[in-house]
PDB file of N, CA and C in Angstrom:
ATOM      1  N   UNK A   1     107.534  26.547 117.923  1.00  0.00           N
ATOM      2  CA  UNK A   1     108.314  27.561 118.599  1.00  0.00           C
ATOM      3  C   UNK A   1     107.465  28.261 119.645  1.00  0.00           C
ATOM      4  N   UNK A   2     108.026  28.466 120.820  1.00  0.00           N
ATOM      5  CA  UNK A   2     107.314  29.139 121.894  1.00  0.00           C
ATOM      6  C   UNK A   2     107.434  30.659 121.739  1.00  0.00           C
ATOM      7  N   UNK A   3     106.313  31.347 121.831  1.00  0.00           N
ATOM      8  CA  UNK A   3     106.315  32.796 121.738  1.00  0.00           C
ATOM      9  C   UNK A   3     106.707  33.397 123.085  1.00  0.00           C
ATOM     10  N   UNK A   4     107.421  34.495 123.045  1.00  0.00           N
ATOM     11  CA  UNK A   4     107.799  35.217 124.260  1.00  0.00           C
ATOM     12  C   UNK A   4     106.557  35.863 124.872  1.00  0.00           C
ATOM     13  N   UNK A   5     106.653  36.145 126.162  1.00  0.00           N
ATOM     14  CA  UNK A   5     105.585  36.831 126.879  1.00  0.00           C
ATOM     15  C   UNK A   5     106.135  38.149 127.422  1.00  0.00           C
ATOM     16  N   UNK A   6     105.247  39.041 127.815  1.00  0.00           N
ATOM     17  CA  UNK A   6     105.652  40.330 128.381  1.00  0.00           C
ATOM     18  C   UNK A   6     106.567  40.064 129.579  1.00  0.00           C
ATOM     19  N   UNK A   7     107.704  40.762 129.608  1.00  0.00           N
ATOM     20  CA  UNK A   7     108.661  40.616 130.699  1.00  0.00           C
ATOM     21  C   UNK A   7     109.796  39.644 130.410  1.00  0.00           C
ATOM     22  N   UNK A   8     109.672  38.826 129.364  1.00  0.00           N
ATOM     23  CA  UNK A   8     110.742  37.892 129.004  1.00  0.00           C
ATOM     24  C   UNK A   8     111.949  38.649 128.455  1.00  0.00           C
ATOM     25  N   UNK A   9     113.127  38.086 128.700  1.00  0.00           N
ATOM     26  CA  UNK A   9     114.360  38.593 128.102  1.00  0.00           C
ATOM     27  C   UNK A   9     114.615  37.778 126.846  1.00  0.00           C
ATOM     28  N   UNK A  10     114.782  38.455 125.716  1.00  0.00           N
ATOM     29  CA  UNK A  10     115.033  37.737 124.464  1.00  0.00           C
ATOM     30  C   UNK A  10     116.359  38.203 123.854  1.00  0.00           C
ATOM     31  N   UNK A  11     116.884  37.359 122.974  1.00  0.00           N
ATOM     32  CA  UNK A  11     118.111  37.685 122.243  1.00  0.00           C
ATOM     33  C   UNK A  11     117.814  37.560 120.755  1.00  0.00           C
ATOM     34  N   UNK A  12     118.351  38.496 119.972  1.00  0.00           N
ATOM     35  CA  UNK A  12     118.119  38.494 118.531  1.00  0.00           C
ATOM     36  C   UNK A  12     119.278  39.208 117.843  1.00  0.00           C
ATOM     37  N   UNK A  13     119.356  39.088 116.527  1.00  0.00           N
ATOM     38  CA  UNK A  13     120.358  39.777 115.713  1.00  0.00           C
ATOM     39  C   UNK A  13     121.764  39.713 116.306  1.00  0.00           C
ATOM     40  N   UNK A  14     122.318  38.540 116.417  1.00  0.00           N
ATOM     41  CA  UNK A  14     123.706  38.367 116.819  1.00  0.00           C
ATOM     42  C   UNK A  14     124.055  39.009 118.162  1.00  0.00           C
ATOM     43  N   UNK A  15     123.237  38.782 119.178  1.00  0.00           N
ATOM     44  CA  UNK A  15     123.617  39.198 120.521  1.00  0.00           C
ATOM     45  C   UNK A  15     122.865  40.360 121.131  1.00  0.00           C
ATOM     46  N   UNK A  16     122.004  41.038 120.378  1.00  0.00           N
ATOM     47  CA  UNK A  16     121.216  42.108 120.992  1.00  0.00           C
ATOM     48  C   UNK A  16     120.205  41.482 121.936  1.00  0.00           C
ATOM     49  N   UNK A  17     119.995  42.127 123.074  1.00  0.00           N
ATOM     50  CA  UNK A  17     119.050  41.611 124.061  1.00  0.00           C
ATOM     51  C   UNK A  17     118.095  42.713 124.492  1.00  0.00           C
ATOM     52  N   UNK A  18     116.898  42.304 124.878  1.00  0.00           N
ATOM     53  CA  UNK A  18     115.919  43.267 125.349  1.00  0.00           C
ATOM     54  C   UNK A  18     114.784  42.594 126.083  1.00  0.00           C
ATOM     55  N   UNK A  19     113.986  43.407 126.750  1.00  0.00           N
ATOM     56  CA  UNK A  19     112.827  42.951 127.516  1.00  0.00           C
ATOM     57  C   UNK A  19     111.570  43.149 126.665  1.00  0.00           C
ATOM     58  N   UNK A  20     110.760  42.095 126.573  1.00  0.00           N
ATOM     59  CA  UNK A  20     109.517  42.165 125.799  1.00  0.00           C
ATOM     60  C   UNK A  20     108.512  43.052 126.524  1.00  0.00           C
ATOM     61  N   UNK A  21     108.009  44.060 125.818  1.00  0.00           N
ATOM     62  CA  UNK A  21     107.009  44.972 126.388  1.00  0.00           C
ATOM     63  C   UNK A  21     105.599  44.674 125.892  1.00  0.00           C
ATOM     64  N   UNK A  22     105.501  44.177 124.654  1.00  0.00           N
ATOM     65  CA  UNK A  22     104.171  43.890 124.095  1.00  0.00           C
ATOM     66  C   UNK A  22     104.307  42.742 123.113  1.00  0.00           C
ATOM     67  N   UNK A  23     103.312  41.858 123.124  1.00  0.00           N
ATOM     68  CA  UNK A  23     103.295  40.729 122.200  1.00  0.00           C
ATOM     69  C   UNK A  23     102.184  40.975 121.176  1.00  0.00           C
ATOM     70  N   UNK A  24     102.568  40.975 119.904  1.00  0.00           N
ATOM     71  CA  UNK A  24     101.612  41.117 118.805  1.00  0.00           C
ATOM     72  C   UNK A  24     101.433  39.762 118.135  1.00  0.00           C
ATOM     73  N   UNK A  25     100.575  39.693 117.138  1.00  0.00           N
ATOM     74  CA  UNK A  25     100.306  38.428 116.456  1.00  0.00           C
ATOM     75  C   UNK A  25     101.562  37.831 115.814  1.00  0.00           C
ATOM     76  N   UNK A  26     102.360  38.662 115.135  1.00  0.00           N
ATOM     77  CA  UNK A  26     103.531  38.163 114.420  1.00  0.00           C
ATOM     78  C   UNK A  26     104.865  38.653 114.974  1.00  0.00           C
ATOM     79  N   UNK A  27     104.823  39.463 116.033  1.00  0.00           N
ATOM     80  CA  UNK A  27     106.063  40.068 116.519  1.00  0.00           C
ATOM     81  C   UNK A  27     105.938  40.488 117.977  1.00  0.00           C
ATOM     82  N   UNK A  28     107.071  40.928 118.517  1.00  0.00           N
ATOM     83  CA  UNK A  28     107.091  41.491 119.864  1.00  0.00           C
ATOM     84  C   UNK A  28     107.742  42.864 119.799  1.00  0.00           C
ATOM     85  N   UNK A  29     107.360  43.747 120.714  1.00  0.00           N
ATOM     86  CA  UNK A  29     108.009  45.045 120.871  1.00  0.00           C
ATOM     87  C   UNK A  29     108.957  44.906 122.048  1.00  0.00           C
ATOM     88  N   UNK A  30     110.228  45.283 121.813  1.00  0.00           N
ATOM     89  CA  UNK A  30     111.297  45.017 122.765  1.00  0.00           C
ATOM     90  C   UNK A  30     111.940  46.318 123.228  1.00  0.00           C
ATOM     91  N   UNK A  31     112.168  46.432 124.550  1.00  0.00           N
ATOM     92  CA  UNK A  31     112.879  47.566 125.134  1.00  0.00           C
ATOM     93  C   UNK A  31     114.366  47.213 125.186  1.00  0.00           C
ATOM     94  N   UNK A  32     115.193  47.937 124.442  1.00  0.00           N
ATOM     95  CA  UNK A  32     116.616  47.634 124.347  1.00  0.00           C
ATOM     96  C   UNK A  32     117.457  48.301 125.435  1.00  0.00           C
ATOM     97  N   UNK A  33     116.871  49.147 126.251  1.00  0.00           N
ATOM     98  CA  UNK A  33     117.654  49.849 127.278  1.00  0.00           C
ATOM     99  C   UNK A  33     118.156  48.896 128.357  1.00  0.00           C
ATOM    100  N   UNK A  34     117.751  47.633 128.322  1.00  0.00           N
ATOM    101  CA  UNK A  34     118.237  46.603 129.245  1.00  0.00           C
ATOM    102  C   UNK A  34     119.749  46.400 129.088  1.00  0.00           C
ATOM    103  N   UNK A  35     120.252  46.521 127.867  1.00  0.00           N
ATOM    104  CA  UNK A  35     121.675  46.258 127.599  1.00  0.00           C
ATOM    105  C   UNK A  35     122.540  47.369 128.177  1.00  0.00           C
ATOM    106  N   UNK A  36     123.652  46.983 128.815  1.00  0.00           N
ATOM    107  CA  UNK A  36     124.560  47.964 129.406  1.00  0.00           C
ATOM    108  C   UNK A  36     125.171  48.875 128.347  1.00  0.00           C
ATOM    109  N   UNK A  37     125.464  48.335 127.168  1.00  0.00           N
ATOM    110  CA  UNK A  37     126.095  49.118 126.107  1.00  0.00           C
ATOM    111  C   UNK A  37     125.080  49.724 125.143  1.00  0.00           C
ATOM    112  N   UNK A  38     123.844  49.856 125.566  1.00  0.00           N
ATOM    113  CA  UNK A  38     122.764  50.374 124.726  1.00  0.00           C
ATOM    114  C   UNK A  38     123.127  51.736 124.117  1.00  0.00           C
ATOM    115  N   UNK A  39     123.624  52.658 124.918  1.00  0.00           N
ATOM    116  CA  UNK A  39     123.955  54.001 124.425  1.00  0.00           C
ATOM    117  C   UNK A  39     125.135  53.967 123.441  1.00  0.00           C
ATOM    118  N   UNK A  40     126.096  53.095 123.691  1.00  0.00           N
ATOM    119  CA  UNK A  40     127.264  52.985 122.807  1.00  0.00           C
ATOM    120  C   UNK A  40     126.869  52.507 121.409  1.00  0.00           C
ATOM    121  N   UNK A  41     125.834  51.691 121.324  1.00  0.00           N
ATOM    122  CA  UNK A  41     125.394  51.144 120.044  1.00  0.00           C
ATOM    123  C   UNK A  41     124.543  52.117 119.231  1.00  0.00           C
ATOM    124  N   UNK A  42     124.130  53.214 119.860  1.00  0.00           N
ATOM    125  CA  UNK A  42     123.315  54.240 119.197  1.00  0.00           C
ATOM    126  C   UNK A  42     122.053  53.655 118.579  1.00  0.00           C
ATOM    127  N   UNK A  43     121.317  52.882 119.364  1.00  0.00           N
ATOM    128  CA  UNK A  43     120.070  52.267 118.919  1.00  0.00           C
ATOM    129  C   UNK A  43     118.881  53.050 119.443  1.00  0.00           C
ATOM    130  N   UNK A  44     117.732  52.836 118.822  1.00  0.00           N
ATOM    131  CA  UNK A  44     116.480  53.361 119.351  1.00  0.00           C
ATOM    132  C   UNK A  44     116.163  52.621 120.648  1.00  0.00           C
ATOM    133  N   UNK A  45     115.313  53.214 121.490  1.00  0.00           N
ATOM    134  CA  UNK A  45     114.961  52.571 122.760  1.00  0.00           C
ATOM    135  C   UNK A  45     114.180  51.277 122.553  1.00  0.00           C
ATOM    136  N   UNK A  46     113.321  51.263 121.537  1.00  0.00           N
ATOM    137  CA  UNK A  46     112.470  50.105 121.299  1.00  0.00           C
ATOM    138  C   UNK A  46     112.588  49.653 119.859  1.00  0.00           C
ATOM    139  N   UNK A  47     112.300  48.363 119.652  1.00  0.00           N
ATOM    140  CA  UNK A  47     112.297  47.829 118.298  1.00  0.00           C
ATOM    141  C   UNK A  47     111.280  46.715 118.204  1.00  0.00           C
ATOM    142  N   UNK A  48     110.947  46.322 116.979  1.00  0.00           N
ATOM    143  CA  UNK A  48     110.003  45.247 116.719  1.00  0.00           C
ATOM    144  C   UNK A  48     110.781  44.050 116.185  1.00  0.00           C
ATOM    145  N   UNK A  49     110.503  42.864 116.736  1.00  0.00           N
ATOM    146  CA  UNK A  49     111.195  41.648 116.315  1.00  0.00           C
ATOM    147  C   UNK A  49     110.160  40.574 116.002  1.00  0.00           C
ATOM    148  N   UNK A  50     110.256  39.983 114.826  1.00  0.00           N
ATOM    149  CA  UNK A  50     109.367  38.905 114.417  1.00  0.00           C
ATOM    150  C   UNK A  50     109.598  37.687 115.314  1.00  0.00           C
ATOM    151  N   UNK A  51     108.554  36.913 115.570  1.00  0.00           N
ATOM    152  CA  UNK A  51     108.653  35.724 116.422  1.00  0.00           C
ATOM    153  C   UNK A  51     109.695  34.725 115.911  1.00  0.00           C
ATOM    154  N   UNK A  52     109.932  34.707 114.609  1.00  0.00           N
ATOM    155  CA  UNK A  52     110.892  33.761 114.025  1.00  0.00           C
ATOM    156  C   UNK A  52     112.338  34.164 114.303  1.00  0.00           C
ATOM    157  N   UNK A  53     112.562  35.416 114.709  1.00  0.00           N
ATOM    158  CA  UNK A  53     113.912  35.965 114.745  1.00  0.00           C
ATOM    159  C   UNK A  53     114.501  36.172 116.137  1.00  0.00           C
ATOM    160  N   UNK A  54     113.958  35.535 117.165  1.00  0.00           N
ATOM    161  CA  UNK A  54     114.529  35.679 118.497  1.00  0.00           C
ATOM    162  C   UNK A  54     114.521  34.357 119.232  1.00  0.00           C
ATOM    163  N   UNK A  55     115.276  34.305 120.327  1.00  0.00           N
ATOM    164  CA  UNK A  55     115.187  33.173 121.245  1.00  0.00           C
ATOM    165  C   UNK A  55     114.987  33.727 122.644  1.00  0.00           C
ATOM    166  N   UNK A  56     114.237  33.017 123.452  1.00  0.00           N
ATOM    167  CA  UNK A  56     113.977  33.446 124.819  1.00  0.00           C
ATOM    168  C   UNK A  56     115.175  33.067 125.675  1.00  0.00           C
ATOM    169  N   UNK A  57     115.757  34.062 126.347  1.00  0.00           N
ATOM    170  CA  UNK A  57     116.920  33.847 127.204  1.00  0.00           C
ATOM    171  C   UNK A  57     116.465  33.574 128.632  1.00  0.00           C
ATOM    172  N   UNK A  58     115.487  34.362 129.095  1.00  0.00           N
ATOM    173  CA  UNK A  58     115.003  34.209 130.469  1.00  0.00           C
ATOM    174  C   UNK A  58     113.510  34.500 130.491  1.00  0.00           C
ATOM    175  N   UNK A  59     112.756  33.559 131.011  1.00  0.00           N
ATOM    176  CA  UNK A  59     111.301  33.739 131.080  1.00  0.00           C
ATOM    177  C   UNK A  59     110.897  34.471 132.338  1.00  0.00           C
TER     178      UNK A  59
END
């Protein structure tokens, strides 16, 4: 599996999308404010996603 890099757009958890801000050994930190409906979903601005749990949408 290819790991995401900083700036990549990833998708995880049934359609959530975000921009990778930092790559760690086992996970990435993702900025969720990329999504238009971010405020409607009442999510935190950033989240951590394990490398196993996302797919790269745009490099």
